[in-house]
Each structure stands twice: as C-alpha cells, then as structure tokens.
Amino acid sequence: QVQLVESGGGLVQAGGSLRLSCAASGSIFSINAMGWYRQAPGKERELVAGITSGGSINYVDSVKGRFTISRDNAKNTMYLQMNSLKPEDTAVYYCNANIKPRYYAPRDYWGQGTQVTVSS
C-alpha cells in the first residue's frame, strides 16, 4: 500500500526554526500535487503550502516569507522549512499528496500528522 510518513515536528521557542519531512512509499507510479496542511485547536484545517509536480508553489498569506516548501521527486519526499516561528503557528501539521499507484486510479493520501508547538 501507499503510505505517507511525516517527521520533524517538535517544541521550539518563538523565532526558532523547524524542518518537516514527508516521505511517500509503496507501489507508486507517480506523485502529482503535494501540500502541507495544519489544524490548530478550535480551528478549521487549512492549506499552508502546496507544490505541483512541475514546481509551482502557493502559500497561505500568514506564512509567506517565513516558510519554504520543496520536493525531491527522486526520493518521493516533500519538505517544509519553517523559520521565524510564531505561537500562532502551533498546530498539527499534515502531509497530503495526490498519488497514482501502479494499477489503480489516482487519489489523495494523508499522513498521520506531526505536532508543532511554538512557545512565547
């Protein structure tokens, strides 16, 4: 089966940095768009950053200039570099990818989520 595995979350002081990773594995034919979502307590899940297979990138306004999304297609891995972190960035971060498995139609897959906590 196709799986997404996230890593890199943790506890950091305001102004600090974290780097999240998302690795896809399994019987993969191709990976299309990928993205990072987050959900804070009492809030809706939101798209933080997205990246297409061709490298086109979008960010939510609140993280522009601070976060950088990237992907390594040879490794089936996506990254989110988070700098100048603020307490309002505290949330569970989820990896999402639209994947075409071998022998099956493409669909979206989700990681289990990784906790990011930013203290003041």
C-alpha atoms as a PDB file:
ATOM      1  CA  GLN A   1       0.000   0.000   0.000  1.00  0.00           C
ATOM      2  CA  VAL A   2       0.948   3.639  -0.499  1.00  0.00           C
ATOM      3  CA  GLN A   3       1.859   5.478   2.701  1.00  0.00           C
ATOM      4  CA  LEU A   4       2.996   8.964   3.740  1.00  0.00           C
ATOM      5  CA  VAL A   5       5.297   9.245   6.762  1.00  0.00           C
ATOM      6  CA  GLU A   6       5.934  12.628   8.428  1.00  0.00           C
ATOM      7  CA  SER A   7       8.771  13.690  10.705  1.00  0.00           C
ATOM      8  CA  GLY A   8      10.413  16.810  12.126  1.00  0.00           C
ATOM      9  CA  GLY A   9       7.796  18.238  14.465  1.00  0.00           C
ATOM     10  CA  GLY A  10       8.586  19.322  17.999  1.00  0.00           C
ATOM     11  CA  LEU A  11       8.744  22.119  20.550  1.00  0.00           C
ATOM     12  CA  VAL A  12      10.543  25.355  19.689  1.00  0.00           C
ATOM     13  CA  GLN A  13      10.743  28.911  21.034  1.00  0.00           C
ATOM     14  CA  ALA A  14       9.267  31.829  19.122  1.00  0.00           C
ATOM     15  CA  GLY A  15      11.697  32.940  16.435  1.00  0.00           C
ATOM     16  CA  GLY A  16      13.138  29.460  16.030  1.00  0.00           C
ATOM     17  CA  SER A  17      13.062  27.030  13.113  1.00  0.00           C
ATOM     18  CA  LEU A  18      11.869  23.526  12.279  1.00  0.00           C
ATOM     19  CA  ARG A  19      12.058  21.397   9.136  1.00  0.00           C
ATOM     20  CA  LEU A  20       9.258  18.929   8.381  1.00  0.00           C
ATOM     21  CA  SER A  21       9.671  15.970   6.032  1.00  0.00           C
ATOM     22  CA  CYS A  22       7.090  13.786   4.284  1.00  0.00           C
ATOM     23  CA  ALA A  23       8.223  10.587   2.565  1.00  0.00           C
ATOM     24  CA  ALA A  24       5.939   8.587   0.268  1.00  0.00           C
ATOM     25  CA  SER A  25       6.477   4.849  -0.128  1.00  0.00           C
ATOM     26  CA  GLY A  26       4.794   1.836  -1.702  1.00  0.00           C
ATOM     27  CA  SER A  27       3.770   0.840  -5.226  1.00  0.00           C
ATOM     28  CA  ILE A  28       3.846   4.364  -6.676  1.00  0.00           C
ATOM     29  CA  PHE A  29       3.622   5.162 -10.363  1.00  0.00           C
ATOM     30  CA  SER A  30       3.730   8.941  -9.966  1.00  0.00           C
ATOM     31  CA  ILE A  31       3.082  11.744  -7.467  1.00  0.00           C
ATOM     32  CA  ASN A  32       1.151  14.783  -8.633  1.00  0.00           C
ATOM     33  CA  ALA A  33       0.466  17.772  -6.348  1.00  0.00           C
ATOM     34  CA  MET A  34       1.624  17.707  -2.715  1.00  0.00           C
ATOM     35  CA  GLY A  35       0.881  20.028   0.185  1.00  0.00           C
ATOM     36  CA  TRP A  36       1.147  20.776   3.885  1.00  0.00           C
ATOM     37  CA  TYR A  37      -1.998  21.400   5.943  1.00  0.00           C
ATOM     38  CA  ARG A  38      -2.333  22.358   9.600  1.00  0.00           C
ATOM     39  CA  GLN A  39      -5.072  22.334  12.208  1.00  0.00           C
ATOM     40  CA  ALA A  40      -4.933  24.280  15.466  1.00  0.00           C
ATOM     41  CA  PRO A  41      -7.288  23.608  18.407  1.00  0.00           C
ATOM     42  CA  GLY A  42     -10.738  25.026  17.696  1.00  0.00           C
ATOM     43  CA  LYS A  43      -9.881  25.975  14.108  1.00  0.00           C
ATOM     44  CA  GLU A  44     -10.539  24.512  10.670  1.00  0.00           C
ATOM     45  CA  ARG A  45      -7.824  22.647   8.811  1.00  0.00           C
ATOM     46  CA  GLU A  46      -6.087  24.988   6.366  1.00  0.00           C
ATOM     47  CA  LEU A  47      -3.719  24.590   3.444  1.00  0.00           C
ATOM     48  CA  VAL A  48      -0.362  26.064   4.452  1.00  0.00           C
ATOM     49  CA  ALA A  49       1.629  25.434   1.271  1.00  0.00           C
ATOM     50  CA  GLY A  50       1.208  23.455  -1.929  1.00  0.00           C
ATOM     51  CA  ILE A  51       3.559  22.375  -4.699  1.00  0.00           C
ATOM     52  CA  THR A  52       2.821  20.738  -8.061  1.00  0.00           C
ATOM     53  CA  SER A  53       4.896  18.098  -9.807  1.00  0.00           C
ATOM     54  CA  GLY A  54       6.291  20.877 -12.011  1.00  0.00           C
ATOM     55  CA  GLY A  55       7.364  23.027  -9.056  1.00  0.00           C
ATOM     56  CA  SER A  56       4.568  25.626  -8.953  1.00  0.00           C
ATOM     57  CA  ILE A  57       4.147  26.834  -5.338  1.00  0.00           C
ATOM     58  CA  ASN A  58       1.460  28.593  -3.289  1.00  0.00           C
ATOM     59  CA  TYR A  59       1.442  29.718   0.377  1.00  0.00           C
ATOM     60  CA  VAL A  60      -1.220  30.924   2.757  1.00  0.00           C
ATOM     61  CA  ASP A  61      -0.657  34.641   3.433  1.00  0.00           C
ATOM     62  CA  SER A  62       0.228  34.161   7.104  1.00  0.00           C
ATOM     63  CA  VAL A  63       3.410  32.165   6.330  1.00  0.00           C
ATOM     64  CA  LYS A  64       4.729  33.990   3.259  1.00  0.00           C
ATOM     65  CA  GLY A  65       8.351  34.988   3.716  1.00  0.00           C
ATOM     66  CA  ARG A  66       8.825  32.576   6.637  1.00  0.00           C
ATOM     67  CA  PHE A  67       8.055  29.073   5.282  1.00  0.00           C
ATOM     68  CA  THR A  68       9.523  27.324   2.240  1.00  0.00           C
ATOM     69  CA  ILE A  69       8.041  24.218   0.615  1.00  0.00           C
ATOM     70  CA  SER A  70      10.128  21.951  -1.622  1.00  0.00           C
ATOM     71  CA  ARG A  71      10.174  18.414  -3.008  1.00  0.00           C
ATOM     72  CA  ASP A  72      12.719  15.866  -4.166  1.00  0.00           C
ATOM     73  CA  ASN A  73      10.997  13.813  -6.856  1.00  0.00           C
ATOM     74  CA  ALA A  74      13.800  11.232  -6.992  1.00  0.00           C
ATOM     75  CA  LYS A  75      13.232  10.486  -3.284  1.00  0.00           C
ATOM     76  CA  ASN A  76       9.410  10.905  -3.300  1.00  0.00           C
ATOM     77  CA  THR A  77       9.884  13.338  -0.423  1.00  0.00           C
ATOM     78  CA  MET A  78       8.470  16.782   0.404  1.00  0.00           C
ATOM     79  CA  TYR A  79       9.815  19.299   2.919  1.00  0.00           C
ATOM     80  CA  LEU A  80       8.593  22.358   4.803  1.00  0.00           C
ATOM     81  CA  GLN A  81      11.279  24.680   6.171  1.00  0.00           C
ATOM     82  CA  MET A  82       9.703  26.854   8.880  1.00  0.00           C
ATOM     83  CA  ASN A  83      11.639  29.921  10.065  1.00  0.00           C
ATOM     84  CA  SER A  84      10.745  32.805  12.398  1.00  0.00           C
ATOM     85  CA  LEU A  85       8.103  30.643  14.038  1.00  0.00           C
ATOM     86  CA  LYS A  86       5.293  32.306  15.981  1.00  0.00           C
ATOM     87  CA  PRO A  87       2.995  30.922  18.703  1.00  0.00           C
ATOM     88  CA  GLU A  88       0.096  31.105  16.240  1.00  0.00           C
ATOM     89  CA  ASP A  89       1.914  28.522  14.083  1.00  0.00           C
ATOM     90  CA  THR A  90       1.207  25.930  16.795  1.00  0.00           C
ATOM     91  CA  ALA A  91      -0.842  23.129  15.212  1.00  0.00           C
ATOM     92  CA  VAL A  92      -0.817  19.562  13.988  1.00  0.00           C
ATOM     93  CA  TYR A  93       0.744  19.571  10.526  1.00  0.00           C
ATOM     94  CA  TYR A  94      -0.437  17.040   7.931  1.00  0.00           C
ATOM     95  CA  CYS A  95       1.193  15.926   4.703  1.00  0.00           C
ATOM     96  CA  ASN A  96      -1.088  15.442   1.684  1.00  0.00           C
ATOM     97  CA  ALA A  97      -0.291  14.060  -1.764  1.00  0.00           C
ATOM     98  CA  ASN A  98      -2.228  13.129  -4.881  1.00  0.00           C
ATOM     99  CA  ILE A  99      -0.672   9.823  -5.938  1.00  0.00           C
ATOM    100  CA  LYS A 100      -1.150   7.468  -8.887  1.00  0.00           C
ATOM    101  CA  PRO A 101      -0.434   3.930  -7.626  1.00  0.00           C
ATOM    102  CA  ARG A 102       0.571   1.205 -10.020  1.00  0.00           C
ATOM    103  CA  TYR A 103      -2.609  -0.487 -11.381  1.00  0.00           C
ATOM    104  CA  TYR A 104      -5.046   1.908  -9.626  1.00  0.00           C
ATOM    105  CA  ALA A 105      -6.612   5.307 -10.243  1.00  0.00           C
ATOM    106  CA  PRO A 106      -5.008   8.347  -8.565  1.00  0.00           C
ATOM    107  CA  ARG A 107      -6.353   9.697  -5.275  1.00  0.00           C
ATOM    108  CA  ASP A 108      -5.313  11.794  -2.270  1.00  0.00           C
ATOM    109  CA  TYR A 109      -3.327  10.321   0.621  1.00  0.00           C
ATOM    110  CA  TRP A 110      -2.750  11.773   4.104  1.00  0.00           C
ATOM    111  CA  GLY A 111      -0.003  11.425   6.671  1.00  0.00           C
ATOM    112  CA  GLN A 112      -0.733  10.835  10.351  1.00  0.00           C
ATOM    113  CA  GLY A 113       0.226  14.369  11.379  1.00  0.00           C
ATOM    114  CA  THR A 114       3.085  15.810  13.409  1.00  0.00           C
ATOM    115  CA  GLN A 115       2.743  18.262  16.316  1.00  0.00           C
ATOM    116  CA  VAL A 116       4.449  21.658  16.091  1.00  0.00           C
ATOM    117  CA  THR A 117       4.410  23.725  19.290  1.00  0.00           C
ATOM    118  CA  VAL A 118       5.866  27.247  19.437  1.00  0.00           C
ATOM    119  CA  SER A 119       6.311  28.804  22.881  1.00  0.00           C
ATOM    120  CA  SER A 120       6.459  32.542  23.589  1.00  0.00           C
END
